[in-house]
C-alpha cells in the first residue's frame, strides 16, 4: 500500500484535539450538547469548510474509526450513497463515491485516497484518518455527475475517559474542478 500522507499531516490532525486551530475567520455554525460545528468561508469558491468538535457518547474511538473505514456498512446507513467502492488504479487503491442529490440537482462524485493510523502519543491512544481527492487516479467521469476534485478530510479521535469519544473532524467538499 502506498502512503499518501506525511507524518506531519497526521500530527497536525491529532494536535487539533488539544489545540483547535480556529484563527482566520472560523465561526460557530451550530452548537448542541457536547458538539460544536464551526465553519470557514473560502472566499475564492464561496464554499464552506466545516470543523466538528465534541464528544460522541456511547461509542468508543476504535468503533468510530472502524465504522468510518467500513464502506459496506456506510452503504447501509447513508441514504445519500448511490455508489461507494474501493477500486484499484494501476496497483494503487482509491475510493469511488457517488452521492445522490435532490431532484433538479446533479449528483456529485469523488475519487479519493485515505489512510488510517492508530497512534500512541505520549501514552494516549489516538485514531487518525486522513482523506483527499486523488485526481491522479484516472477514473472516468460520468455524464451529468459533477466530479469533486478538491475534497479533503481529517478525523482525530480519542477516548473521552469514559465510554465515549472525543473527536475533531475537519472536512471540505469543493465543487467541480476545485472552482
N, C-alpha and C. Protein backbone atom coordinates (compact mmCIF):
# COMPACT_ATOMS: atom_id res chain seq x y z
N UNK A 1 0.85 -1.19 0.00
CA UNK A 1 0.00 0.00 0.00
C UNK A 1 0.88 1.24 0.00
N UNK A 2 0.62 2.12 -0.89
CA UNK A 2 1.37 3.37 -0.96
C UNK A 2 0.84 4.35 0.07
N UNK A 3 1.73 5.05 0.73
CA UNK A 3 1.31 6.05 1.70
C UNK A 3 1.05 7.38 0.99
N UNK A 4 -0.08 7.97 1.28
CA UNK A 4 -0.49 9.19 0.60
C UNK A 4 -0.33 10.43 1.47
N UNK A 5 0.00 10.24 2.74
CA UNK A 5 0.05 11.34 3.68
C UNK A 5 1.34 11.29 4.48
N UNK A 6 1.80 12.43 4.94
CA UNK A 6 3.05 12.51 5.69
C UNK A 6 2.78 12.38 7.19
N UNK A 7 3.84 12.09 7.93
CA UNK A 7 3.75 12.05 9.39
C UNK A 7 3.28 13.40 9.92
N UNK A 8 3.75 14.47 9.30
CA UNK A 8 3.37 15.82 9.73
C UNK A 8 1.87 16.07 9.57
N UNK A 9 1.28 15.57 8.49
CA UNK A 9 -0.17 15.73 8.30
C UNK A 9 -0.95 14.99 9.39
N UNK A 10 -0.48 13.80 9.76
CA UNK A 10 -1.13 13.08 10.85
C UNK A 10 -0.97 13.82 12.17
N UNK A 11 0.20 14.37 12.41
CA UNK A 11 0.44 15.13 13.64
C UNK A 11 -0.44 16.37 13.69
N UNK A 12 -0.56 17.09 12.59
CA UNK A 12 -1.43 18.27 12.55
C UNK A 12 -2.87 17.90 12.90
N UNK A 13 -3.32 16.73 12.43
CA UNK A 13 -4.70 16.31 12.70
C UNK A 13 -4.91 16.01 14.18
N UNK A 14 -4.02 15.23 14.80
CA UNK A 14 -4.26 14.89 16.20
C UNK A 14 -4.02 16.06 17.13
N UNK A 15 -3.20 17.01 16.74
CA UNK A 15 -2.97 18.20 17.58
C UNK A 15 -4.25 19.03 17.73
N UNK A 16 -5.15 18.91 16.77
CA UNK A 16 -6.43 19.63 16.84
C UNK A 16 -7.24 19.21 18.07
N UNK A 17 -7.03 17.98 18.56
CA UNK A 17 -7.74 17.53 19.76
C UNK A 17 -7.38 18.39 20.97
N UNK A 18 -6.13 18.84 21.04
CA UNK A 18 -5.65 19.63 22.17
C UNK A 18 -5.77 21.13 21.96
N UNK A 19 -5.39 21.56 20.77
CA UNK A 19 -5.38 22.99 20.48
C UNK A 19 -6.02 23.23 19.12
N UNK A 20 -7.34 23.37 19.10
CA UNK A 20 -8.01 23.57 17.81
C UNK A 20 -7.56 24.87 17.15
N UNK A 21 -7.30 24.78 15.88
CA UNK A 21 -6.89 25.94 15.10
C UNK A 21 -8.15 26.62 14.57
N UNK A 22 -8.55 27.71 15.23
CA UNK A 22 -9.78 28.40 14.83
C UNK A 22 -9.51 29.84 14.39
N UNK A 23 -8.24 30.17 14.13
CA UNK A 23 -7.93 31.52 13.66
C UNK A 23 -8.31 31.64 12.18
N UNK A 24 -8.39 32.86 11.74
CA UNK A 24 -8.60 33.09 10.31
C UNK A 24 -10.04 33.17 9.87
N UNK A 25 -10.98 33.36 10.79
CA UNK A 25 -12.35 33.56 10.36
C UNK A 25 -13.31 32.43 10.66
N UNK A 26 -12.89 31.40 11.39
CA UNK A 26 -13.82 30.34 11.77
C UNK A 26 -14.94 30.92 12.63
N UNK A 27 -16.17 30.51 12.38
CA UNK A 27 -17.31 30.97 13.17
C UNK A 27 -18.12 29.78 13.63
N UNK A 28 -18.78 29.93 14.78
CA UNK A 28 -19.66 28.87 15.26
C UNK A 28 -20.87 28.83 14.35
N UNK A 29 -21.16 27.64 13.83
CA UNK A 29 -22.29 27.46 12.94
C UNK A 29 -23.45 26.81 13.69
N UNK A 30 -23.16 25.75 14.46
CA UNK A 30 -24.18 25.06 15.25
C UNK A 30 -23.51 24.61 16.55
N UNK A 31 -24.25 24.76 17.63
CA UNK A 31 -23.76 24.28 18.91
C UNK A 31 -24.92 23.55 19.59
N UNK A 32 -24.69 22.28 19.91
CA UNK A 32 -25.73 21.49 20.54
C UNK A 32 -25.10 20.46 21.46
N UNK A 33 -25.53 20.44 22.68
CA UNK A 33 -24.97 19.48 23.63
C UNK A 33 -23.46 19.61 23.72
N UNK A 34 -22.79 18.51 23.47
CA UNK A 34 -21.33 18.49 23.56
C UNK A 34 -20.66 18.57 22.19
N UNK A 35 -21.39 18.98 21.17
CA UNK A 35 -20.83 19.07 19.83
C UNK A 35 -20.98 20.49 19.30
N UNK A 36 -19.88 21.00 18.73
CA UNK A 36 -19.89 22.33 18.11
C UNK A 36 -19.40 22.18 16.68
N UNK A 37 -20.11 22.81 15.76
CA UNK A 37 -19.69 22.83 14.36
C UNK A 37 -19.28 24.26 14.03
N UNK A 38 -18.05 24.40 13.57
CA UNK A 38 -17.53 25.68 13.09
C UNK A 38 -17.50 25.64 11.57
N UNK A 39 -17.51 26.81 10.97
CA UNK A 39 -17.36 26.86 9.52
C UNK A 39 -16.45 28.02 9.15
N UNK A 40 -15.81 27.88 8.00
CA UNK A 40 -14.90 28.89 7.48
C UNK A 40 -15.21 29.08 6.01
N UNK A 41 -15.51 30.30 5.63
CA UNK A 41 -15.83 30.61 4.23
C UNK A 41 -14.56 30.69 3.41
N UNK A 42 -14.53 29.94 2.32
CA UNK A 42 -13.46 30.06 1.35
C UNK A 42 -13.88 31.16 0.38
N UNK A 43 -13.22 32.30 0.47
CA UNK A 43 -13.64 33.47 -0.31
C UNK A 43 -13.46 33.28 -1.81
N UNK A 44 -12.56 32.40 -2.21
CA UNK A 44 -12.35 32.15 -3.64
C UNK A 44 -13.49 31.34 -4.25
N UNK A 45 -13.98 30.33 -3.51
CA UNK A 45 -15.00 29.45 -4.07
C UNK A 45 -16.41 29.79 -3.59
N UNK A 46 -16.50 30.49 -2.45
CA UNK A 46 -17.81 30.76 -1.87
C UNK A 46 -18.36 29.57 -1.09
N UNK A 47 -17.55 28.53 -0.91
CA UNK A 47 -17.97 27.34 -0.20
C UNK A 47 -17.38 27.34 1.21
N UNK A 48 -17.98 26.55 2.09
CA UNK A 48 -17.52 26.49 3.47
C UNK A 48 -16.73 25.22 3.74
N UNK A 49 -15.78 25.35 4.64
CA UNK A 49 -15.07 24.24 5.23
C UNK A 49 -15.66 24.09 6.62
N UNK A 50 -15.87 22.86 7.07
CA UNK A 50 -16.52 22.63 8.36
C UNK A 50 -15.60 21.88 9.30
N UNK A 51 -15.71 22.19 10.59
CA UNK A 51 -14.96 21.52 11.64
C UNK A 51 -15.95 21.12 12.72
N UNK A 52 -16.05 19.83 12.98
CA UNK A 52 -16.95 19.30 14.00
C UNK A 52 -16.08 18.88 15.18
N UNK A 53 -16.39 19.40 16.36
CA UNK A 53 -15.63 19.10 17.56
C UNK A 53 -16.59 18.71 18.67
N UNK A 54 -16.19 17.74 19.46
CA UNK A 54 -17.03 17.42 20.60
C UNK A 54 -16.85 16.01 21.09
N UNK A 55 -17.81 15.60 21.91
CA UNK A 55 -17.82 14.27 22.49
C UNK A 55 -19.01 13.51 21.93
N UNK A 56 -18.74 12.31 21.48
CA UNK A 56 -19.76 11.43 20.94
C UNK A 56 -19.95 10.32 21.98
N UNK A 57 -21.04 10.38 22.72
CA UNK A 57 -21.28 9.46 23.83
C UNK A 57 -21.58 8.05 23.35
N UNK A 58 -21.26 7.09 24.18
CA UNK A 58 -21.64 5.68 23.99
C UNK A 58 -21.03 5.03 22.76
N UNK A 59 -19.90 5.54 22.29
CA UNK A 59 -19.22 4.92 21.15
C UNK A 59 -17.73 5.12 21.35
N UNK A 60 -16.99 4.04 21.40
CA UNK A 60 -15.55 4.15 21.62
C UNK A 60 -14.87 4.70 20.36
N UNK A 61 -13.70 5.29 20.51
CA UNK A 61 -13.00 5.82 19.34
C UNK A 61 -12.62 4.73 18.34
N UNK A 62 -12.30 3.54 18.84
CA UNK A 62 -11.96 2.45 17.93
C UNK A 62 -13.17 2.07 17.06
N UNK A 63 -14.35 1.98 17.68
CA UNK A 63 -15.56 1.67 16.91
C UNK A 63 -15.85 2.80 15.92
N UNK A 64 -15.73 4.06 16.34
CA UNK A 64 -15.95 5.19 15.43
C UNK A 64 -15.02 5.09 14.22
N UNK A 65 -13.73 4.81 14.45
CA UNK A 65 -12.77 4.70 13.36
C UNK A 65 -13.10 3.51 12.46
N UNK A 66 -13.48 2.38 13.05
CA UNK A 66 -13.85 1.21 12.25
C UNK A 66 -15.06 1.50 11.37
N UNK A 67 -16.07 2.16 11.94
CA UNK A 67 -17.27 2.49 11.17
C UNK A 67 -16.92 3.44 10.02
N UNK A 68 -16.08 4.42 10.30
CA UNK A 68 -15.67 5.37 9.26
C UNK A 68 -15.00 4.64 8.09
N UNK A 69 -14.21 3.64 8.38
CA UNK A 69 -13.46 2.93 7.34
C UNK A 69 -14.27 1.86 6.62
N UNK A 70 -15.43 1.49 7.15
CA UNK A 70 -16.23 0.38 6.61
C UNK A 70 -17.18 0.87 5.52
N UNK A 71 -16.76 0.72 4.27
CA UNK A 71 -17.57 1.21 3.15
C UNK A 71 -18.88 0.44 3.01
N UNK A 72 -18.86 -0.86 3.25
CA UNK A 72 -20.09 -1.67 3.13
C UNK A 72 -21.13 -1.21 4.15
N UNK A 73 -20.69 -0.96 5.37
CA UNK A 73 -21.62 -0.51 6.39
C UNK A 73 -22.17 0.88 6.07
N UNK A 74 -21.33 1.75 5.50
CA UNK A 74 -21.81 3.09 5.15
C UNK A 74 -22.96 3.01 4.16
N UNK A 75 -22.91 2.09 3.24
CA UNK A 75 -23.99 1.93 2.26
C UNK A 75 -25.32 1.61 2.94
N UNK A 76 -25.27 0.99 4.13
CA UNK A 76 -26.48 0.63 4.84
C UNK A 76 -27.09 1.81 5.59
N UNK A 77 -26.27 2.69 6.16
CA UNK A 77 -26.83 3.77 6.98
C UNK A 77 -26.90 5.12 6.28
N UNK A 78 -26.17 5.30 5.18
CA UNK A 78 -26.14 6.59 4.50
C UNK A 78 -27.01 6.53 3.25
N UNK A 79 -28.20 7.11 3.35
CA UNK A 79 -29.16 7.04 2.24
C UNK A 79 -28.74 7.88 1.03
N UNK A 80 -27.71 8.69 1.18
CA UNK A 80 -27.23 9.51 0.06
C UNK A 80 -26.20 8.79 -0.81
N UNK A 81 -25.75 7.63 -0.40
CA UNK A 81 -24.78 6.88 -1.19
C UNK A 81 -25.49 6.25 -2.38
N UNK A 82 -25.03 6.58 -3.59
CA UNK A 82 -25.52 5.89 -4.77
C UNK A 82 -24.55 4.77 -5.14
N UNK A 83 -23.26 5.07 -5.07
CA UNK A 83 -22.23 4.06 -5.34
C UNK A 83 -21.04 4.37 -4.45
N UNK A 84 -20.46 3.34 -3.87
CA UNK A 84 -19.31 3.51 -2.99
C UNK A 84 -18.51 2.22 -3.03
N UNK A 85 -17.26 2.32 -3.49
CA UNK A 85 -16.43 1.12 -3.58
C UNK A 85 -14.97 1.50 -3.64
N UNK A 86 -14.15 0.53 -3.29
CA UNK A 86 -12.71 0.71 -3.40
C UNK A 86 -12.29 0.13 -4.74
N UNK A 87 -11.45 0.85 -5.45
CA UNK A 87 -11.01 0.41 -6.78
C UNK A 87 -9.49 0.43 -6.84
N UNK A 88 -8.96 -0.38 -7.72
CA UNK A 88 -7.53 -0.44 -7.93
C UNK A 88 -7.18 0.35 -9.19
N UNK A 89 -6.24 1.26 -9.07
CA UNK A 89 -5.78 2.06 -10.19
C UNK A 89 -4.28 1.83 -10.35
N UNK A 90 -3.92 0.97 -11.28
CA UNK A 90 -2.51 0.67 -11.52
C UNK A 90 -1.78 0.31 -10.24
N UNK A 91 -2.38 -0.57 -9.43
CA UNK A 91 -1.74 -1.05 -8.22
C UNK A 91 -1.94 -0.17 -7.00
N UNK A 92 -2.63 0.95 -7.15
CA UNK A 92 -2.91 1.83 -6.01
C UNK A 92 -4.41 1.82 -5.75
N UNK A 93 -4.77 1.79 -4.49
CA UNK A 93 -6.17 1.73 -4.10
C UNK A 93 -6.73 3.13 -3.90
N UNK A 94 -7.94 3.35 -4.39
CA UNK A 94 -8.65 4.61 -4.19
C UNK A 94 -10.13 4.28 -4.03
N UNK A 95 -10.88 5.24 -3.53
CA UNK A 95 -12.31 5.04 -3.30
C UNK A 95 -13.09 5.88 -4.30
N UNK A 96 -14.10 5.25 -4.88
CA UNK A 96 -15.05 5.97 -5.73
C UNK A 96 -16.35 6.09 -4.94
N UNK A 97 -16.88 7.32 -4.87
CA UNK A 97 -18.08 7.60 -4.07
C UNK A 97 -18.98 8.53 -4.87
N UNK A 98 -20.17 8.05 -5.19
CA UNK A 98 -21.18 8.90 -5.83
C UNK A 98 -22.26 9.21 -4.81
N UNK A 99 -22.56 10.49 -4.67
CA UNK A 99 -23.52 10.98 -3.68
C UNK A 99 -24.77 11.46 -4.40
N UNK A 100 -25.93 10.95 -3.94
CA UNK A 100 -27.21 11.37 -4.51
C UNK A 100 -27.57 12.77 -4.03
N UNK A 101 -28.02 13.59 -4.95
CA UNK A 101 -28.50 14.93 -4.63
C UNK A 101 -29.99 15.01 -4.97
N UNK A 102 -30.70 15.98 -4.39
CA UNK A 102 -32.15 16.08 -4.65
C UNK A 102 -32.46 16.36 -6.12
N UNK A 103 -33.71 16.11 -6.46
CA UNK A 103 -34.24 16.37 -7.80
C UNK A 103 -33.84 17.77 -8.26
N UNK A 104 -33.51 17.90 -9.50
CA UNK A 104 -33.07 19.12 -10.17
C UNK A 104 -31.63 19.51 -9.86
N UNK A 105 -30.96 18.72 -9.04
CA UNK A 105 -29.53 18.95 -8.76
C UNK A 105 -28.75 17.74 -9.26
N UNK A 106 -27.54 17.98 -9.71
CA UNK A 106 -26.70 16.89 -10.20
C UNK A 106 -26.02 16.17 -9.05
N UNK A 107 -25.94 14.86 -9.17
CA UNK A 107 -25.17 14.10 -8.20
C UNK A 107 -23.72 14.54 -8.25
N UNK A 108 -22.98 14.28 -7.17
CA UNK A 108 -21.55 14.56 -7.10
C UNK A 108 -20.83 13.23 -6.97
N UNK A 109 -19.62 13.18 -7.50
CA UNK A 109 -18.79 12.01 -7.24
C UNK A 109 -17.38 12.42 -6.85
N UNK A 110 -16.73 11.49 -6.16
CA UNK A 110 -15.41 11.71 -5.59
C UNK A 110 -14.53 10.51 -5.91
N UNK A 111 -13.29 10.77 -6.20
CA UNK A 111 -12.27 9.73 -6.25
C UNK A 111 -11.22 10.19 -5.26
N UNK A 112 -11.03 9.39 -4.20
CA UNK A 112 -10.12 9.84 -3.16
C UNK A 112 -9.33 8.70 -2.55
N UNK A 113 -8.26 9.07 -1.89
CA UNK A 113 -7.44 8.14 -1.13
C UNK A 113 -7.61 8.45 0.34
N UNK A 114 -7.38 7.45 1.16
CA UNK A 114 -7.48 7.67 2.61
C UNK A 114 -6.47 6.76 3.30
N UNK A 115 -6.14 7.17 4.50
CA UNK A 115 -5.21 6.38 5.29
C UNK A 115 -5.57 6.54 6.76
N UNK A 116 -5.52 5.43 7.49
CA UNK A 116 -5.80 5.43 8.92
C UNK A 116 -4.53 5.01 9.67
N UNK A 117 -4.27 5.73 10.74
CA UNK A 117 -3.18 5.34 11.64
C UNK A 117 -3.71 5.35 13.07
N UNK A 118 -3.41 4.28 13.80
CA UNK A 118 -3.73 4.19 15.22
C UNK A 118 -2.43 4.52 15.95
N UNK A 119 -2.42 5.66 16.63
CA UNK A 119 -1.18 6.22 17.17
C UNK A 119 -1.12 6.12 18.69
N UNK A 120 0.08 6.06 19.20
CA UNK A 120 0.33 6.21 20.63
C UNK A 120 1.12 7.51 20.77
N UNK A 121 0.49 8.50 21.37
CA UNK A 121 1.11 9.81 21.53
C UNK A 121 1.26 10.07 23.02
N UNK A 122 2.47 9.89 23.52
CA UNK A 122 2.76 10.08 24.94
C UNK A 122 1.77 9.32 25.83
N UNK A 123 1.49 8.07 25.47
CA UNK A 123 0.59 7.24 26.25
C UNK A 123 -0.88 7.40 25.91
N UNK A 124 -1.20 8.31 25.03
CA UNK A 124 -2.59 8.50 24.58
C UNK A 124 -2.80 7.68 23.31
N UNK A 125 -3.89 6.94 23.25
CA UNK A 125 -4.26 6.20 22.04
C UNK A 125 -5.14 7.12 21.20
N UNK A 126 -4.66 7.45 19.99
CA UNK A 126 -5.37 8.38 19.10
C UNK A 126 -5.52 7.72 17.73
N UNK A 127 -6.73 7.76 17.20
CA UNK A 127 -7.02 7.24 15.87
C UNK A 127 -7.12 8.44 14.93
N UNK A 128 -6.37 8.41 13.82
CA UNK A 128 -6.40 9.50 12.85
C UNK A 128 -6.66 8.91 11.47
N UNK A 129 -7.59 9.53 10.76
CA UNK A 129 -7.91 9.14 9.39
C UNK A 129 -7.82 10.39 8.53
N UNK A 130 -7.05 10.31 7.45
CA UNK A 130 -6.93 11.42 6.51
C UNK A 130 -7.43 10.97 5.15
N UNK A 131 -8.06 11.88 4.44
CA UNK A 131 -8.56 11.59 3.10
C UNK A 131 -8.39 12.84 2.24
N UNK A 132 -8.17 12.63 0.94
CA UNK A 132 -8.09 13.74 0.00
C UNK A 132 -8.44 13.25 -1.40
N UNK A 133 -8.89 14.17 -2.22
CA UNK A 133 -9.15 13.82 -3.62
C UNK A 133 -7.89 13.28 -4.26
N UNK A 134 -8.10 12.41 -5.23
CA UNK A 134 -6.97 11.81 -5.95
C UNK A 134 -7.20 11.94 -7.45
N UNK A 135 -7.09 13.17 -7.96
CA UNK A 135 -7.32 13.36 -9.40
C UNK A 135 -6.30 12.62 -10.26
N UNK A 136 -5.18 12.23 -9.64
CA UNK A 136 -4.17 11.47 -10.39
C UNK A 136 -4.65 10.06 -10.73
N UNK A 137 -5.67 9.58 -10.01
CA UNK A 137 -6.26 8.27 -10.32
C UNK A 137 -7.20 8.47 -11.50
N UNK A 138 -6.92 7.81 -12.56
CA UNK A 138 -7.66 8.02 -13.80
C UNK A 138 -8.96 7.24 -13.80
N UNK A 139 -9.97 7.78 -13.12
CA UNK A 139 -11.29 7.17 -13.10
C UNK A 139 -12.19 8.02 -13.99
N UNK A 140 -12.80 7.42 -15.02
CA UNK A 140 -13.57 8.22 -15.97
C UNK A 140 -14.76 8.94 -15.32
N UNK A 141 -14.96 10.18 -15.73
CA UNK A 141 -16.11 10.94 -15.24
C UNK A 141 -17.36 10.47 -15.95
N UNK A 142 -18.49 10.56 -15.23
CA UNK A 142 -19.78 10.16 -15.78
C UNK A 142 -20.54 11.42 -16.20
N UNK A 143 -21.27 11.32 -17.30
CA UNK A 143 -22.02 12.48 -17.76
C UNK A 143 -23.12 12.81 -16.74
N UNK A 144 -23.39 14.06 -16.58
CA UNK A 144 -24.41 14.63 -15.69
C UNK A 144 -24.08 14.50 -14.20
N UNK A 145 -22.89 14.03 -13.87
CA UNK A 145 -22.45 13.96 -12.48
C UNK A 145 -21.26 14.90 -12.32
N UNK A 146 -21.28 15.70 -11.28
CA UNK A 146 -20.21 16.68 -11.06
C UNK A 146 -19.09 16.03 -10.25
N UNK A 147 -17.90 16.02 -10.79
CA UNK A 147 -16.73 15.45 -10.12
C UNK A 147 -16.15 16.49 -9.15
N UNK A 148 -15.97 16.11 -7.91
CA UNK A 148 -15.36 16.98 -6.90
C UNK A 148 -13.88 16.63 -6.84
N UNK A 149 -13.04 17.58 -7.17
CA UNK A 149 -11.60 17.33 -7.25
C UNK A 149 -10.80 17.94 -6.11
N UNK A 150 -11.47 18.56 -5.16
CA UNK A 150 -10.72 19.20 -4.07
C UNK A 150 -11.28 18.83 -2.70
N UNK A 151 -11.65 17.58 -2.54
CA UNK A 151 -12.16 17.06 -1.28
C UNK A 151 -11.00 16.78 -0.33
N UNK A 152 -11.20 17.12 0.94
CA UNK A 152 -10.22 16.74 1.96
C UNK A 152 -10.95 16.55 3.28
N UNK A 153 -10.38 15.68 4.11
CA UNK A 153 -10.97 15.44 5.41
C UNK A 153 -9.90 14.90 6.35
N UNK A 154 -9.99 15.32 7.61
CA UNK A 154 -9.14 14.74 8.65
C UNK A 154 -10.04 14.42 9.84
N UNK A 155 -9.78 13.27 10.45
CA UNK A 155 -10.54 12.81 11.60
C UNK A 155 -9.53 12.42 12.67
N UNK A 156 -9.69 12.98 13.87
CA UNK A 156 -8.85 12.60 15.01
C UNK A 156 -9.77 12.22 16.15
N UNK A 157 -9.55 11.05 16.74
CA UNK A 157 -10.43 10.52 17.77
C UNK A 157 -9.61 9.98 18.94
N UNK A 158 -10.11 10.17 20.14
CA UNK A 158 -9.53 9.54 21.32
C UNK A 158 -10.64 9.36 22.34
N UNK A 159 -10.37 8.55 23.36
CA UNK A 159 -11.35 8.31 24.41
C UNK A 159 -11.66 9.59 25.16
N UNK A 160 -12.91 9.72 25.57
CA UNK A 160 -13.29 10.86 26.41
C UNK A 160 -13.04 10.55 27.89
N UNK A 161 -12.45 9.39 28.18
CA UNK A 161 -12.18 8.99 29.55
C UNK A 161 -13.28 8.13 30.14
N UNK A 162 -14.37 7.99 29.40
CA UNK A 162 -15.49 7.16 29.85
C UNK A 162 -15.81 6.16 28.73
N UNK A 163 -17.07 6.14 28.26
CA UNK A 163 -17.45 5.20 27.21
C UNK A 163 -17.60 5.87 25.85
N UNK A 164 -17.19 7.12 25.74
CA UNK A 164 -17.40 7.85 24.52
C UNK A 164 -16.11 8.25 23.83
N UNK A 165 -16.27 9.13 22.85
CA UNK A 165 -15.16 9.55 22.01
C UNK A 165 -15.09 11.06 21.96
N UNK A 166 -13.90 11.58 22.16
CA UNK A 166 -13.62 12.99 21.93
C UNK A 166 -13.10 13.07 20.51
N UNK A 167 -13.69 13.93 19.70
CA UNK A 167 -13.29 13.95 18.30
C UNK A 167 -13.18 15.32 17.70
N UNK A 168 -12.40 15.37 16.63
CA UNK A 168 -12.24 16.56 15.82
C UNK A 168 -12.27 16.11 14.37
N UNK A 169 -13.23 16.61 13.62
CA UNK A 169 -13.39 16.23 12.22
C UNK A 169 -13.38 17.50 11.38
N UNK A 170 -12.47 17.56 10.43
CA UNK A 170 -12.35 18.70 9.53
C UNK A 170 -12.68 18.22 8.14
N UNK A 171 -13.60 18.89 7.48
CA UNK A 171 -13.94 18.45 6.14
C UNK A 171 -14.24 19.59 5.21
N UNK A 172 -13.84 19.40 3.96
CA UNK A 172 -14.15 20.37 2.92
C UNK A 172 -14.52 19.60 1.67
N UNK A 173 -15.66 19.92 1.14
CA UNK A 173 -16.09 19.32 -0.12
C UNK A 173 -16.27 20.46 -1.10
N UNK A 174 -15.36 20.54 -2.03
CA UNK A 174 -15.40 21.61 -3.01
C UNK A 174 -16.35 21.30 -4.12
N UNK A 175 -16.24 22.05 -5.16
CA UNK A 175 -17.10 21.82 -6.33
C UNK A 175 -16.26 21.37 -7.51
N UNK A 176 -16.88 21.22 -8.65
CA UNK A 176 -16.25 20.69 -9.83
C UNK A 176 -14.93 21.39 -10.14
N UNK A 177 -13.89 20.58 -10.27
CA UNK A 177 -12.59 21.11 -10.65
C UNK A 177 -11.97 22.01 -9.62
N UNK A 178 -12.53 22.05 -8.42
CA UNK A 178 -11.99 22.89 -7.37
C UNK A 178 -12.30 24.36 -7.56
N UNK A 179 -13.22 24.66 -8.43
CA UNK A 179 -13.54 26.06 -8.71
C UNK A 179 -14.57 26.59 -7.73
